[in-house]
Amino acid sequence: MFKNVLINEDHDAILANITKILRDLHVESIEKSQYCDEAYLKIKKEF
């Protein structure tokens, strides 16, 4: 299973539901962003 996940979703309700599902699946690290440029910067920072 995945240990690190980045969710990029602009709808708060969907973002919350995906986060809950991933927590139920015991994903260790969940990063969230609502904008593509924010997600891009988070990915760029990791590599």
N, C-alpha and C. Protein backbone atom coordinates (compact mmCIF):
# COMPACT_ATOMS: atom_id res chain seq x y z
N MET A 1 0.84 -1.18 0.00
CA MET A 1 0.00 0.00 0.00
C MET A 1 0.89 1.24 0.00
N PHE A 2 0.33 2.34 -0.41
CA PHE A 2 1.06 3.60 -0.47
C PHE A 2 1.34 4.15 0.92
N LYS A 3 2.50 4.79 1.08
CA LYS A 3 2.85 5.42 2.35
C LYS A 3 2.64 6.92 2.29
N ASN A 4 2.89 7.51 1.13
CA ASN A 4 2.76 8.97 0.95
C ASN A 4 1.81 9.24 -0.21
N VAL A 5 0.84 10.13 0.03
CA VAL A 5 -0.14 10.46 -1.00
C VAL A 5 -0.34 11.97 -1.04
N LEU A 6 -0.42 12.50 -2.24
CA LEU A 6 -0.76 13.91 -2.43
C LEU A 6 -2.11 13.95 -3.13
N ILE A 7 -3.07 14.60 -2.50
CA ILE A 7 -4.41 14.75 -3.07
C ILE A 7 -4.54 16.18 -3.58
N ASN A 8 -4.94 16.31 -4.84
CA ASN A 8 -5.18 17.62 -5.41
C ASN A 8 -6.65 17.67 -5.83
N GLU A 9 -7.45 18.36 -5.05
CA GLU A 9 -8.89 18.45 -5.30
C GLU A 9 -9.39 19.81 -4.83
N ASP A 10 -10.21 20.46 -5.65
CA ASP A 10 -10.67 21.80 -5.29
C ASP A 10 -12.02 21.81 -4.56
N HIS A 11 -12.69 20.70 -4.47
CA HIS A 11 -13.95 20.62 -3.73
C HIS A 11 -13.68 20.10 -2.32
N ASP A 12 -14.05 20.90 -1.32
CA ASP A 12 -13.75 20.56 0.08
C ASP A 12 -14.36 19.23 0.51
N ALA A 13 -15.59 18.96 0.12
CA ALA A 13 -16.26 17.73 0.54
C ALA A 13 -15.57 16.50 -0.03
N ILE A 14 -15.19 16.57 -1.28
CA ILE A 14 -14.50 15.44 -1.91
C ILE A 14 -13.13 15.25 -1.28
N LEU A 15 -12.43 16.34 -1.04
CA LEU A 15 -11.12 16.29 -0.41
C LEU A 15 -11.21 15.64 0.97
N ALA A 16 -12.22 16.01 1.74
CA ALA A 16 -12.41 15.43 3.07
C ALA A 16 -12.72 13.94 3.00
N ASN A 17 -13.55 13.53 2.05
CA ASN A 17 -13.89 12.11 1.92
C ASN A 17 -12.70 11.27 1.48
N ILE A 18 -11.92 11.77 0.54
CA ILE A 18 -10.73 11.03 0.10
C ILE A 18 -9.74 10.91 1.25
N THR A 19 -9.56 11.98 2.00
CA THR A 19 -8.66 11.96 3.15
C THR A 19 -9.11 10.92 4.17
N LYS A 20 -10.41 10.87 4.45
CA LYS A 20 -10.95 9.90 5.41
C LYS A 20 -10.71 8.46 4.94
N ILE A 21 -10.94 8.22 3.67
CA ILE A 21 -10.73 6.88 3.12
C ILE A 21 -9.26 6.47 3.25
N LEU A 22 -8.36 7.38 2.92
CA LEU A 22 -6.93 7.07 3.01
C LEU A 22 -6.50 6.83 4.45
N ARG A 23 -7.06 7.59 5.39
CA ARG A 23 -6.75 7.35 6.81
C ARG A 23 -7.26 5.99 7.25
N ASP A 24 -8.44 5.61 6.78
CA ASP A 24 -8.99 4.29 7.09
C ASP A 24 -8.11 3.18 6.53
N LEU A 25 -7.41 3.47 5.45
CA LEU A 25 -6.50 2.49 4.84
C LEU A 25 -5.09 2.56 5.43
N HIS A 26 -4.92 3.39 6.47
CA HIS A 26 -3.67 3.53 7.21
C HIS A 26 -2.52 4.09 6.37
N VAL A 27 -2.85 5.04 5.50
CA VAL A 27 -1.81 5.74 4.75
C VAL A 27 -1.07 6.64 5.74
N GLU A 28 0.26 6.57 5.72
CA GLU A 28 1.07 7.25 6.72
C GLU A 28 1.10 8.77 6.54
N SER A 29 1.27 9.24 5.32
CA SER A 29 1.41 10.67 5.08
C SER A 29 0.45 11.10 3.98
N ILE A 30 -0.44 12.04 4.32
CA ILE A 30 -1.41 12.55 3.36
C ILE A 30 -1.21 14.06 3.24
N GLU A 31 -0.82 14.49 2.07
CA GLU A 31 -0.68 15.92 1.77
C GLU A 31 -1.88 16.33 0.93
N LYS A 32 -2.37 17.54 1.16
CA LYS A 32 -3.54 18.02 0.42
C LYS A 32 -3.24 19.36 -0.23
N SER A 33 -3.83 19.56 -1.39
CA SER A 33 -3.77 20.87 -2.04
C SER A 33 -5.05 21.07 -2.83
N GLN A 34 -5.42 22.32 -3.01
CA GLN A 34 -6.63 22.63 -3.76
C GLN A 34 -6.33 23.25 -5.12
N TYR A 35 -5.09 23.57 -5.36
CA TYR A 35 -4.72 24.23 -6.62
C TYR A 35 -3.55 23.49 -7.26
N CYS A 36 -3.56 23.44 -8.58
CA CYS A 36 -2.52 22.71 -9.32
C CYS A 36 -1.13 23.26 -9.05
N ASP A 37 -0.99 24.58 -9.00
CA ASP A 37 0.33 25.15 -8.77
C ASP A 37 0.85 24.81 -7.38
N GLU A 38 -0.04 24.72 -6.40
CA GLU A 38 0.35 24.31 -5.05
C GLU A 38 0.82 22.86 -5.04
N ALA A 39 0.10 21.99 -5.75
CA ALA A 39 0.49 20.58 -5.84
C ALA A 39 1.84 20.45 -6.54
N TYR A 40 2.01 21.20 -7.62
CA TYR A 40 3.28 21.17 -8.35
C TYR A 40 4.45 21.56 -7.45
N LEU A 41 4.27 22.61 -6.66
CA LEU A 41 5.36 23.05 -5.75
C LEU A 41 5.66 22.01 -4.69
N LYS A 42 4.63 21.33 -4.18
CA LYS A 42 4.86 20.29 -3.18
C LYS A 42 5.62 19.11 -3.79
N ILE A 43 5.28 18.74 -5.01
CA ILE A 43 5.99 17.65 -5.69
C ILE A 43 7.43 18.06 -5.98
N LYS A 44 7.59 19.26 -6.50
CA LYS A 44 8.93 19.76 -6.84
C LYS A 44 9.82 19.80 -5.61
N LYS A 45 9.27 20.18 -4.46
CA LYS A 45 10.02 20.27 -3.21
C LYS A 45 10.55 18.89 -2.79
N GLU A 46 9.78 17.85 -3.04
CA GLU A 46 10.17 16.50 -2.63
C GLU A 46 11.26 15.90 -3.51
N PHE A 47 11.39 16.37 -4.75
CA PHE A 47 12.38 15.81 -5.67
C PHE A 47 13.40 16.81 -5.94
